[in-house]
């Protein structure tokens, strides 16, 4: 009968640190075996903590004099290692501890080599600069993996290319879950097969992020992140409703949060919501040097119905470094891989793109919009509609021939505002929350057009030559939104006459 093995590849230089951690959380080595040049050590929680059962407090009256029970949850780790290679088999909740010491790219690196590209079952992805955050997608039998705008894959479940070696179906995340006909004593042979497979050519290119190991780069990114938090710009705090630990999904409920500094019992905040404001208030009130102490700040997650838990602050921060194409995910710095960048560029360059050969003389957007009236455009700039008696929304800048135009001068950072404006209008129209009228006549647009006026010397051959990762992500999200709502997405590029093209 097949056996499930949840396999982690442990970083060789972290093996000793992992063993110390296993001891610290109550695991002790109770047995060992040798197989050729491999050592197999079994660590077991012989005395696990007793944990309160939340519902016993709610139904306490029914227990009377009976002592309320507690759960004892056993867990274990099988460590398989030799001089320069170390793997771990996770049993029970030990995946929570292994995650900090493993090669986080291992699972998807293996997926690119043993997953059948035409038989994907489940995919979990993170979306950047999108209203979506993390999405789980299921596929019908015999499906390829489809990709969406701004998407980085974090988890995959798929039929394998060789069921005799890898089992019929495998799951890939930080670890790999295989269901195979092997006894535990035969695992060293499987590990050798894994090591060999990881050196082979890829069958599947997965757009995703790759862990950064350069210590100097991590220090630079930490300092950049600290600056952004202090400035309350770009960095976002969020506790994910779905997070990944190995190949296990962890779902969170509604919690309260508190901040504190590791080793300093006096530096604690009150319980409250998880917001940048609460974080910066905590930093200021305790006179914390965030650049020096970023990695010392912890977040305590208060759970009304179970044991509280603590995570590093960075683990619940969401941030992208535009210049180096890096991002923070689950407390670890990553860089977008080439497959991700290639996918972005291909999708952007597939957008209907038109280059206006006539140079723009108008000094700003207002004058530009006014100048277009003579060409039959209707100038709708600064004309806002009130929604629900609370919100004022500027639907568009120009209108002509069933096309809504959103105009923006400048650089990619400014273009993002036009993309957001266009996206909001699409959502309002799609949800029937608003209608657009010109001279009391309702219009029915068919195309949504972004009109960018660039101030640059060289002209573009394709949109991906605009060098901005966040701009690319937002543009693809807009493209997806427009098409799903039934509109044609279009982009026009013009150049200011001062750009000396």
Protein backbone atom coordinates (compact mmCIF):
# COMPACT_ATOMS: atom_id res chain seq x y z
CA UNK A 1 0.00 0.00 0.00
CA UNK A 2 1.43 3.45 -0.90
CA UNK A 3 2.78 5.60 1.92
CA UNK A 4 2.67 9.38 2.08
CA UNK A 5 6.03 11.09 2.58
CA UNK A 6 6.20 14.87 3.11
CA UNK A 7 9.82 15.56 2.14
CA UNK A 8 11.84 18.70 2.90
CA UNK A 9 15.29 19.47 1.59
CA UNK A 10 17.22 20.96 4.50
CA UNK A 11 19.94 23.53 3.83
CA UNK A 12 23.21 21.70 4.57
CA UNK A 13 24.60 24.59 6.62
CA UNK A 14 21.47 24.63 8.80
CA UNK A 15 21.39 20.96 9.83
CA UNK A 16 22.97 21.55 13.25
CA UNK A 17 20.69 24.51 13.89
CA UNK A 18 17.66 22.39 12.95
CA UNK A 19 18.66 19.62 15.35
CA UNK A 20 18.94 22.18 18.15
CA UNK A 21 15.49 23.52 17.24
CA UNK A 22 13.97 20.03 17.31
CA UNK A 23 15.32 19.54 20.83
CA UNK A 24 13.99 22.95 21.88
CA UNK A 25 10.41 22.11 20.78
CA UNK A 26 10.40 18.80 22.62
CA UNK A 27 11.65 16.27 20.07
CA UNK A 28 14.25 13.71 21.13
CA UNK A 29 16.17 11.20 19.03
CA UNK A 30 14.75 7.77 19.89
CA UNK A 31 16.23 5.68 17.10
CA UNK A 32 18.83 5.63 14.32
CA UNK A 33 19.72 3.46 11.33
CA UNK A 34 22.51 3.47 8.76
CA UNK A 35 22.16 2.66 5.09
CA UNK A 36 25.38 2.65 3.07
CA UNK A 37 26.66 6.22 3.54
CA UNK A 38 23.32 7.58 4.80
CA UNK A 39 22.31 8.19 8.41
CA UNK A 40 18.62 8.04 9.40
CA UNK A 41 17.64 9.62 12.75
CA UNK A 42 14.10 9.58 14.14
CA UNK A 43 13.05 12.46 16.41
CA UNK A 44 9.84 12.04 18.41
CA UNK A 45 7.76 14.20 20.78
CA UNK A 46 7.54 11.73 23.66
CA UNK A 47 6.00 14.35 25.98
CA UNK A 48 3.99 16.82 23.87
CA UNK A 49 2.33 19.77 25.58
CA UNK A 50 -1.28 19.45 26.66
CA UNK A 51 -3.38 21.93 24.70
CA UNK A 52 -6.71 23.40 25.82
CA UNK A 53 -9.74 22.41 23.76
CA UNK A 54 -11.59 25.64 22.98
CA UNK A 55 -15.11 24.24 23.05
CA UNK A 56 -14.73 22.83 26.57
CA UNK A 57 -14.92 26.40 27.90
CA UNK A 58 -18.12 27.13 25.98
CA UNK A 59 -19.81 23.95 27.25
CA UNK A 60 -18.21 24.06 30.72
CA UNK A 61 -21.61 23.72 32.51
CA UNK A 62 -22.12 20.29 31.00
CA UNK A 63 -18.85 18.94 32.36
CA UNK A 64 -19.86 19.54 35.95
CA UNK A 65 -17.24 18.00 38.23
CA UNK A 66 -15.64 16.17 35.31
CA UNK A 67 -12.17 17.50 34.58
CA UNK A 68 -12.08 19.24 31.23
CA UNK A 69 -9.93 17.23 28.76
CA UNK A 70 -6.90 18.50 26.88
CA UNK A 71 -5.36 17.35 23.60
CA UNK A 72 -1.90 15.86 23.34
CA UNK A 73 -0.70 16.08 19.74
CA UNK A 74 2.32 13.94 18.87
CA UNK A 75 4.68 14.80 16.03
CA UNK A 76 8.01 13.60 14.68
CA UNK A 77 10.80 14.09 12.13
CA UNK A 78 12.86 11.51 10.26
CA UNK A 79 16.19 13.09 9.33
CA UNK A 80 18.02 11.45 6.39
CA UNK A 81 21.50 12.85 5.91
CA UNK A 82 25.12 12.41 4.98
CA UNK A 83 28.05 14.82 4.86
CA UNK A 84 26.73 17.46 2.46
CA UNK A 85 23.05 16.50 1.96
CA UNK A 86 20.16 16.55 4.42
CA UNK A 87 16.47 15.77 3.96
CA UNK A 88 13.63 15.56 6.49
CA UNK A 89 10.34 13.66 6.53
CA UNK A 90 7.67 15.66 8.36
CA UNK A 91 5.17 13.86 10.58
CA UNK A 92 2.37 15.78 12.27
CA UNK A 93 2.90 19.48 12.96
CA UNK A 94 6.69 19.35 12.55
CA UNK A 95 6.34 21.13 9.18
CA UNK A 96 5.94 24.38 11.17
CA UNK A 97 9.52 23.98 12.44
CA UNK A 98 11.14 22.57 9.29
CA UNK A 99 10.09 25.53 7.15
CA UNK A 100 12.72 27.83 8.70
CA UNK A 101 15.59 25.49 7.80
CA UNK A 102 14.62 24.13 4.40
CA UNK A 103 15.35 25.01 0.80
CA UNK A 104 12.12 26.88 0.05
CA UNK A 105 12.55 26.45 -3.73
CA UNK A 106 12.95 22.67 -3.56
CA UNK A 107 9.32 21.67 -4.13
CA UNK A 108 8.71 23.79 -7.22
CA UNK A 109 12.20 23.06 -8.59
CA UNK A 110 11.21 19.40 -8.51
CA UNK A 111 7.73 20.15 -9.94
CA UNK A 112 9.36 21.65 -13.03
CA UNK A 113 10.99 18.25 -13.63
CA UNK A 114 8.50 15.56 -12.56
CA UNK A 115 5.03 17.17 -12.88
CA UNK A 116 3.15 16.37 -16.10
CA UNK A 117 2.59 19.81 -17.75
CA UNK A 118 -0.68 18.56 -19.26
CA UNK A 119 -2.15 17.17 -16.03
CA UNK A 120 -2.28 19.91 -13.40
CA UNK A 121 -4.77 19.34 -10.56
CA UNK A 122 -4.49 22.30 -8.14
CA UNK A 123 -2.52 25.54 -8.15
CA UNK A 124 -2.03 28.16 -5.43
CA UNK A 125 -0.71 31.55 -6.52
CA UNK A 126 0.25 34.89 -5.05
CA UNK A 127 -0.82 38.00 -6.99
CA UNK A 128 1.20 41.21 -6.86
CA UNK A 129 -0.28 44.70 -7.28
CA UNK A 130 -3.69 43.14 -7.71
CA UNK A 131 -6.95 43.19 -5.75
CA UNK A 132 -6.49 39.44 -5.46
CA UNK A 133 -3.93 38.18 -2.95
CA UNK A 134 -3.66 34.39 -2.86
CA UNK A 135 -5.90 32.18 -4.98
CA UNK A 136 -6.38 28.40 -5.07
CA UNK A 137 -7.36 27.10 -8.54
CA UNK A 138 -8.59 23.58 -9.31
CA UNK A 139 -8.40 22.04 -12.80
CA UNK A 140 -10.36 19.45 -14.72
CA UNK A 141 -8.58 16.28 -15.77
CA UNK A 142 -6.02 16.73 -18.53
CA UNK A 143 -5.57 20.49 -18.05
CA UNK A 144 -2.48 22.61 -18.67
CA UNK A 145 -1.49 25.22 -16.10
CA UNK A 146 -2.97 28.57 -17.13
CA UNK A 147 -1.44 31.81 -15.86
CA UNK A 148 -2.97 35.15 -14.96
CA UNK A 149 -1.63 38.69 -14.71
CA UNK A 150 0.87 39.36 -11.93
CA UNK A 151 0.75 35.74 -10.78
CA UNK A 152 3.53 33.86 -8.98
CA UNK A 153 2.94 30.15 -8.37
CA UNK A 154 3.59 28.86 -4.84
CA UNK A 155 1.97 25.44 -4.81
CA UNK A 156 1.15 22.79 -7.40
CA UNK A 157 -0.59 19.44 -7.30
CA UNK A 158 -0.19 17.38 -10.45
CA UNK A 159 0.03 13.93 -11.97
CA UNK A 160 3.68 12.91 -12.23
CA UNK A 161 5.54 11.81 -15.35
CA UNK A 162 6.46 8.42 -13.80
CA UNK A 163 4.04 6.90 -11.26
CA UNK A 164 6.38 3.97 -10.54
CA UNK A 165 9.13 6.29 -9.29
CA UNK A 166 7.18 9.29 -7.94
CA UNK A 167 3.67 7.95 -7.36
CA UNK A 168 0.64 8.90 -9.46
CA UNK A 169 -0.02 12.37 -7.95
CA UNK A 170 2.39 14.67 -6.08
CA UNK A 171 2.05 18.00 -4.28
CA UNK A 172 4.77 20.64 -4.51
CA UNK A 173 5.32 23.67 -2.27
CA UNK A 174 8.22 24.33 0.08
CA UNK A 175 8.34 20.54 0.32
CA UNK A 176 7.07 17.70 -1.87
CA UNK A 177 4.40 15.20 -0.86
CA UNK A 178 4.82 11.83 -2.59
CA UNK A 179 2.49 8.84 -2.23
CA UNK A 180 4.67 5.88 -3.16
CA UNK A 181 5.27 2.17 -2.51
CA UNK A 182 8.41 2.55 -0.42
CA UNK A 183 9.29 1.52 3.12
CA UNK A 184 11.06 4.10 5.31
CA UNK A 185 14.34 2.15 5.05
CA UNK A 186 14.23 2.63 1.26
CA UNK A 187 14.04 6.44 1.46
CA UNK A 188 17.80 7.03 0.95
CA UNK A 189 17.41 5.56 -2.56
CA UNK A 190 14.51 7.95 -3.20
CA UNK A 191 16.64 10.88 -1.97
CA UNK A 192 19.39 9.93 -4.43
CA UNK A 193 16.79 9.88 -7.23
CA UNK A 194 15.59 13.33 -6.16
CA UNK A 195 19.13 14.73 -6.15
CA UNK A 196 19.75 13.39 -9.64
CA UNK A 197 16.42 14.65 -10.99
CA UNK A 198 17.09 18.19 -9.76
CA UNK A 199 20.11 18.38 -12.12
CA UNK A 200 18.05 17.54 -15.23
CA UNK A 201 16.37 19.87 -17.73
CA UNK A 202 12.97 21.37 -16.89
CA UNK A 203 9.77 20.07 -18.47
CA UNK A 204 7.72 23.00 -17.15
CA UNK A 205 8.60 26.65 -16.54
CA UNK A 206 6.76 27.99 -13.52
CA UNK A 207 6.58 31.79 -13.09
CA UNK A 208 7.52 32.29 -9.45
CA UNK A 209 9.91 33.88 -7.01
CA UNK A 210 13.35 32.54 -6.03
CA UNK A 211 14.82 32.90 -2.55
CA UNK A 212 17.65 35.44 -2.12
CA UNK A 213 20.66 34.11 -0.20
CA UNK A 214 23.07 37.06 -0.60
CA UNK A 215 23.45 38.47 2.95
CA UNK A 216 24.43 41.95 1.75
CA UNK A 217 21.37 42.11 -0.50
CA UNK A 218 19.12 41.00 2.37
CA UNK A 219 20.58 43.76 4.60
CA UNK A 220 19.95 46.33 1.85
CA UNK A 221 16.37 45.18 1.40
CA UNK A 222 15.73 45.20 5.16
CA UNK A 223 16.87 48.81 5.40
CA UNK A 224 14.76 49.78 2.38
CA UNK A 225 11.74 48.10 3.97
CA UNK A 226 12.34 49.94 7.27
CA UNK A 227 12.39 53.26 5.39
CA UNK A 228 9.11 52.47 3.63
CA UNK A 229 7.42 51.50 6.91
CA UNK A 230 8.52 54.76 8.57
CA UNK A 231 7.29 56.71 5.53
CA UNK A 232 4.05 54.65 5.53
CA UNK A 233 4.50 54.08 1.81
CA UNK A 234 4.35 50.93 -0.33
CA UNK A 235 4.76 48.41 2.52
CA UNK A 236 1.55 46.68 3.60
CA UNK A 237 0.76 44.66 6.69
CA UNK A 238 -1.45 41.65 6.14
CA UNK A 239 -2.14 38.38 7.88
CA UNK A 240 -2.95 35.95 5.08
CA UNK A 241 -6.20 34.04 5.32
CA UNK A 242 -4.35 31.28 3.48
CA UNK A 243 -0.66 30.59 4.07
CA UNK A 244 1.54 27.71 2.97
CA UNK A 245 3.68 25.55 5.25
CA UNK A 246 5.44 22.85 3.24
CA UNK A 247 2.50 21.44 1.28
CA UNK A 248 -0.04 22.22 4.02
CA UNK A 249 -2.45 25.17 3.84
CA UNK A 250 -2.95 27.08 7.09
CA UNK A 251 -6.24 28.99 7.32
CA UNK A 252 -6.56 31.86 9.80
CA UNK A 253 -9.65 33.23 11.53
CA UNK A 254 -10.15 36.68 13.03
CA UNK A 255 -7.39 37.45 15.52
CA UNK A 256 -6.05 40.37 17.52
CA UNK A 257 -2.42 41.36 17.23
CA UNK A 258 0.26 42.88 19.40
CA UNK A 259 3.84 43.99 18.72
CA UNK A 260 6.86 43.44 20.92
CA UNK A 261 10.67 43.44 20.74
CA UNK A 262 12.40 40.11 21.26
CA UNK A 263 14.17 40.00 24.63
CA UNK A 264 12.61 43.22 25.89
CA UNK A 265 9.53 42.40 27.98
CA UNK A 266 8.64 46.06 28.55
CA UNK A 267 8.36 46.89 24.84
CA UNK A 268 4.88 45.56 24.12
CA UNK A 269 1.85 47.07 22.45
CA UNK A 270 -1.80 46.65 23.31
CA UNK A 271 -3.82 44.08 21.39
CA UNK A 272 -5.50 45.52 18.32
CA UNK A 273 -5.76 45.49 14.53
CA UNK A 274 -2.87 44.73 12.23
CA UNK A 275 -2.13 48.08 10.57
CA UNK A 276 0.89 50.13 9.52
CA UNK A 277 -0.34 52.96 11.77
CA UNK A 278 -0.35 50.71 14.83
CA UNK A 279 3.12 49.45 13.92
CA UNK A 280 4.62 52.92 13.42
CA UNK A 281 3.01 54.13 16.65
CA UNK A 282 4.61 51.19 18.47
CA UNK A 283 8.00 51.96 16.91
CA UNK A 284 7.82 55.67 17.80
CA UNK A 285 6.50 55.23 21.35
CA UNK A 286 9.27 52.77 22.19
CA UNK A 287 11.96 54.77 20.34
CA UNK A 288 12.93 51.77 18.24
CA UNK A 289 15.58 52.16 15.53
CA UNK A 290 13.72 50.22 12.86
CA UNK A 291 16.71 49.90 10.52
CA UNK A 292 18.71 48.17 13.27
CA UNK A 293 15.92 46.29 15.02
CA UNK A 294 13.56 45.28 12.19
CA UNK A 295 14.35 41.60 12.66
CA UNK A 296 13.86 41.81 16.44
CA UNK A 297 10.22 42.91 16.22
CA UNK A 298 7.68 40.12 16.68
CA UNK A 299 3.94 39.96 16.21
CA UNK A 300 1.87 38.04 18.73
CA UNK A 301 -1.29 36.62 17.19
CA UNK A 302 -3.95 36.28 19.88
CA UNK A 303 -6.34 33.41 19.22
CA UNK A 304 -9.49 33.33 21.31
CA UNK A 305 -10.07 29.65 20.63
CA UNK A 306 -6.60 28.18 20.88
CA UNK A 307 -2.97 28.78 21.65
CA UNK A 308 -1.49 32.18 20.78
CA UNK A 309 1.42 32.15 18.37
CA UNK A 310 4.27 34.50 17.55
CA UNK A 311 5.76 35.30 14.15
CA UNK A 312 8.49 37.73 13.03
CA UNK A 313 7.17 41.08 11.80
CA UNK A 314 8.62 40.49 8.33
CA UNK A 315 6.51 37.34 7.98
CA UNK A 316 3.31 39.39 7.67
CA UNK A 317 4.66 42.25 5.58
CA UNK A 318 3.97 42.55 1.86
CA UNK A 319 6.48 44.61 -0.16
CA UNK A 320 8.06 44.88 -3.63
CA UNK A 321 11.40 46.51 -4.46
CA UNK A 322 10.78 47.97 -7.89
CA UNK A 323 14.43 48.46 -8.90
CA UNK A 324 15.80 44.98 -8.19
CA UNK A 325 12.59 43.02 -8.90
CA UNK A 326 12.53 41.65 -5.37
CA UNK A 327 9.64 40.97 -3.02
CA UNK A 328 9.06 39.98 0.59
CA UNK A 329 7.00 36.84 1.08
CA UNK A 330 6.36 35.03 4.38
CA UNK A 331 9.31 36.87 5.94
CA UNK A 332 11.82 35.87 3.26
CA UNK A 333 13.27 37.95 0.44
CA UNK A 334 12.78 36.62 -3.08
CA UNK A 335 13.51 37.69 -6.61
CA UNK A 336 11.12 37.08 -9.50
CA UNK A 337 12.48 34.34 -11.73
CA UNK A 338 13.05 34.74 -15.47
CA UNK A 339 9.93 32.72 -16.31
CA UNK A 340 7.85 35.23 -14.36
CA UNK A 341 9.44 38.23 -16.10
CA UNK A 342 9.11 36.53 -19.50
CA UNK A 343 5.42 35.86 -18.88
CA UNK A 344 4.82 39.50 -17.88
CA UNK A 345 6.54 40.79 -21.01
CA UNK A 346 4.71 38.41 -23.36
CA UNK A 347 1.32 39.33 -21.89
CA UNK A 348 2.01 43.08 -22.01
CA UNK A 349 3.25 42.96 -25.59
CA UNK A 350 0.05 41.15 -26.61
CA UNK A 351 -2.08 44.20 -25.64
CA UNK A 352 -3.49 46.21 -28.57
CA UNK A 353 -0.80 48.91 -28.79
CA UNK A 354 -0.71 51.97 -31.02
CA UNK A 355 2.07 54.55 -31.29
CA UNK A 356 0.85 58.09 -32.12
CA UNK A 357 3.38 59.60 -34.54
CA UNK A 358 2.21 63.15 -33.89
CA UNK A 359 4.25 64.76 -31.12
CA UNK A 360 2.34 66.34 -28.25
CA UNK A 361 2.79 70.09 -27.90
CA UNK A 362 0.38 70.51 -24.97
CA UNK A 363 2.26 71.11 -21.70
CA UNK A 364 -0.09 69.06 -19.51
CA UNK A 365 -3.13 66.76 -19.47
CA UNK A 366 -5.69 69.58 -19.19
CA UNK A 367 -4.44 71.33 -22.32
CA UNK A 368 -4.05 68.01 -24.14
CA UNK A 369 -7.68 67.04 -23.46
CA UNK A 370 -8.91 70.45 -24.57
CA UNK A 371 -6.88 70.23 -27.79
CA UNK A 372 -8.55 66.95 -28.74
CA UNK A 373 -12.03 68.49 -28.94
CA UNK A 374 -11.23 69.83 -32.43
CA UNK A 375 -10.63 66.21 -33.53
CA UNK A 376 -14.08 65.08 -32.46
CA UNK A 377 -13.26 63.93 -28.93
CA UNK A 378 -15.55 64.83 -26.04
CA UNK A 379 -13.56 66.29 -23.14
CA UNK A 380 -14.78 64.67 -19.91
CA UNK A 381 -11.78 65.63 -17.77
CA UNK A 382 -12.70 66.77 -14.24
CA UNK A 383 -16.32 65.70 -14.74
CA UNK A 384 -17.20 63.49 -11.78
CA UNK A 385 -20.21 61.36 -10.95
CA UNK A 386 -21.43 60.89 -7.38
CA UNK A 387 -21.91 57.28 -6.31
CA UNK A 388 -24.08 56.29 -3.34
CA UNK A 389 -24.16 59.98 -2.34
CA UNK A 390 -20.68 59.54 -0.88
CA UNK A 391 -18.03 58.98 -3.55
CA UNK A 392 -17.04 61.14 -6.48
CA UNK A 393 -15.58 59.21 -9.39
CA UNK A 394 -13.95 60.63 -12.50
CA UNK A 395 -15.09 58.16 -15.15
CA UNK A 396 -12.74 59.14 -17.98
CA UNK A 397 -10.78 61.92 -19.64
CA UNK A 398 -11.95 61.67 -23.25
CA UNK A 399 -14.65 59.87 -25.22
CA UNK A 400 -15.03 59.14 -28.94
CA UNK A 401 -16.55 56.37 -31.06
CA UNK A 402 -17.47 54.04 -28.16
CA UNK A 403 -14.00 54.34 -26.62
CA UNK A 404 -13.25 55.62 -23.10
CA UNK A 405 -9.83 57.28 -22.86
CA UNK A 406 -7.76 57.73 -19.70
CA UNK A 407 -4.88 60.17 -20.25
CA UNK A 408 -1.70 60.51 -18.20
CA UNK A 409 1.54 62.42 -18.79
CA UNK A 410 4.91 61.53 -17.29
CA UNK A 411 6.61 58.35 -16.10
CA UNK A 412 5.35 54.84 -15.23
CA UNK A 413 4.75 55.74 -11.58
CA UNK A 414 2.20 58.35 -12.68
CA UNK A 415 0.67 55.99 -15.25
CA UNK A 416 -0.40 53.74 -12.38
CA UNK A 417 -2.99 56.35 -11.36
CA UNK A 418 -4.59 56.22 -14.82
CA UNK A 419 -4.65 52.41 -14.65
CA UNK A 420 -6.42 52.56 -11.26
CA UNK A 421 -8.89 55.14 -12.61
CA UNK A 422 -9.70 52.96 -15.61
CA UNK A 423 -10.02 49.84 -13.44
CA UNK A 424 -12.42 51.56 -11.05
CA UNK A 425 -14.61 52.70 -13.94
CA UNK A 426 -14.70 49.16 -15.35
CA UNK A 427 -15.78 47.78 -11.97
CA UNK A 428 -18.51 50.38 -11.56
CA UNK A 429 -19.89 49.64 -15.03
CA UNK A 430 -19.58 45.89 -14.59
CA UNK A 431 -21.42 45.92 -11.27
CA UNK A 432 -24.16 48.22 -12.62
CA UNK A 433 -23.31 50.75 -9.92
CA UNK A 434 -23.18 53.64 -12.34
CA UNK A 435 -23.99 54.78 -15.83
CA UNK A 436 -22.04 57.29 -17.89
CA UNK A 437 -23.96 60.10 -19.55
CA UNK A 438 -22.79 62.77 -21.95
CA UNK A 439 -25.30 65.55 -22.60
CA UNK A 440 -27.90 63.43 -20.76
CA UNK A 441 -27.29 60.60 -23.22
CA UNK A 442 -26.07 57.30 -21.75
CA UNK A 443 -23.05 55.94 -23.58
CA UNK A 444 -22.15 52.27 -24.09
CA UNK A 445 -18.37 51.99 -24.48
CA UNK A 446 -16.82 48.95 -26.12
CA UNK A 447 -13.13 49.78 -25.66
CA UNK A 448 -11.15 51.01 -22.64
CA UNK A 449 -8.04 52.90 -23.77
CA UNK A 450 -5.06 54.06 -21.70
CA UNK A 451 -3.36 57.00 -23.42
CA UNK A 452 0.15 57.59 -22.09
CA UNK A 453 2.20 60.63 -23.08
CA UNK A 454 5.87 59.84 -22.49
CA UNK A 455 8.69 62.22 -21.83
CA UNK A 456 11.61 60.17 -23.14
CA UNK A 457 14.18 60.37 -25.93
CA UNK A 458 13.83 56.93 -27.47
CA UNK A 459 10.58 55.60 -28.87
CA UNK A 460 9.12 52.24 -27.87
CA UNK A 461 8.97 49.21 -30.12
CA UNK A 462 6.87 47.32 -27.53
CA UNK A 463 5.26 48.06 -24.18
CA UNK A 464 7.59 45.82 -22.17
CA UNK A 465 10.38 48.33 -22.87
CA UNK A 466 8.80 50.58 -20.22
CA UNK A 467 11.05 49.48 -17.39
CA UNK A 468 8.79 49.19 -14.36
CA UNK A 469 7.83 45.89 -12.72
CA UNK A 470 4.90 47.35 -10.75
CA UNK A 471 3.62 49.10 -13.89
CA UNK A 472 3.72 45.76 -15.74
CA UNK A 473 1.80 44.01 -12.95
CA UNK A 474 -0.89 46.67 -12.74
CA UNK A 475 -1.21 46.82 -16.52
CA UNK A 476 -1.87 43.08 -16.76
CA UNK A 477 -4.43 43.24 -13.96
CA UNK A 478 -6.21 46.03 -15.88
CA UNK A 479 -6.08 43.96 -19.09
CA UNK A 480 -7.62 40.95 -17.31
CA UNK A 481 -10.31 43.12 -15.70
CA UNK A 482 -11.27 44.79 -19.00
CA UNK A 483 -11.55 41.51 -20.92
CA UNK A 484 -13.52 39.77 -18.17
CA UNK A 485 -15.98 42.69 -18.21
CA UNK A 486 -16.41 42.42 -21.98
CA UNK A 487 -14.33 45.45 -23.05
CA UNK A 488 -11.44 45.67 -25.49
CA UNK A 489 -8.24 46.87 -23.75
CA UNK A 490 -6.14 49.28 -25.81
CA UNK A 491 -3.08 51.48 -25.24
CA UNK A 492 -1.90 54.55 -27.16
CA UNK A 493 1.61 55.93 -26.67
CA UNK A 494 2.39 59.55 -27.55
CA UNK A 495 5.57 61.58 -27.04
CA UNK A 496 6.06 65.11 -25.85
CA UNK A 497 7.75 67.35 -28.40
CA UNK A 498 10.41 68.26 -25.82
CA UNK A 499 11.57 64.63 -25.63
CA UNK A 500 13.81 65.14 -28.70
CA UNK A 501 12.88 61.75 -30.19
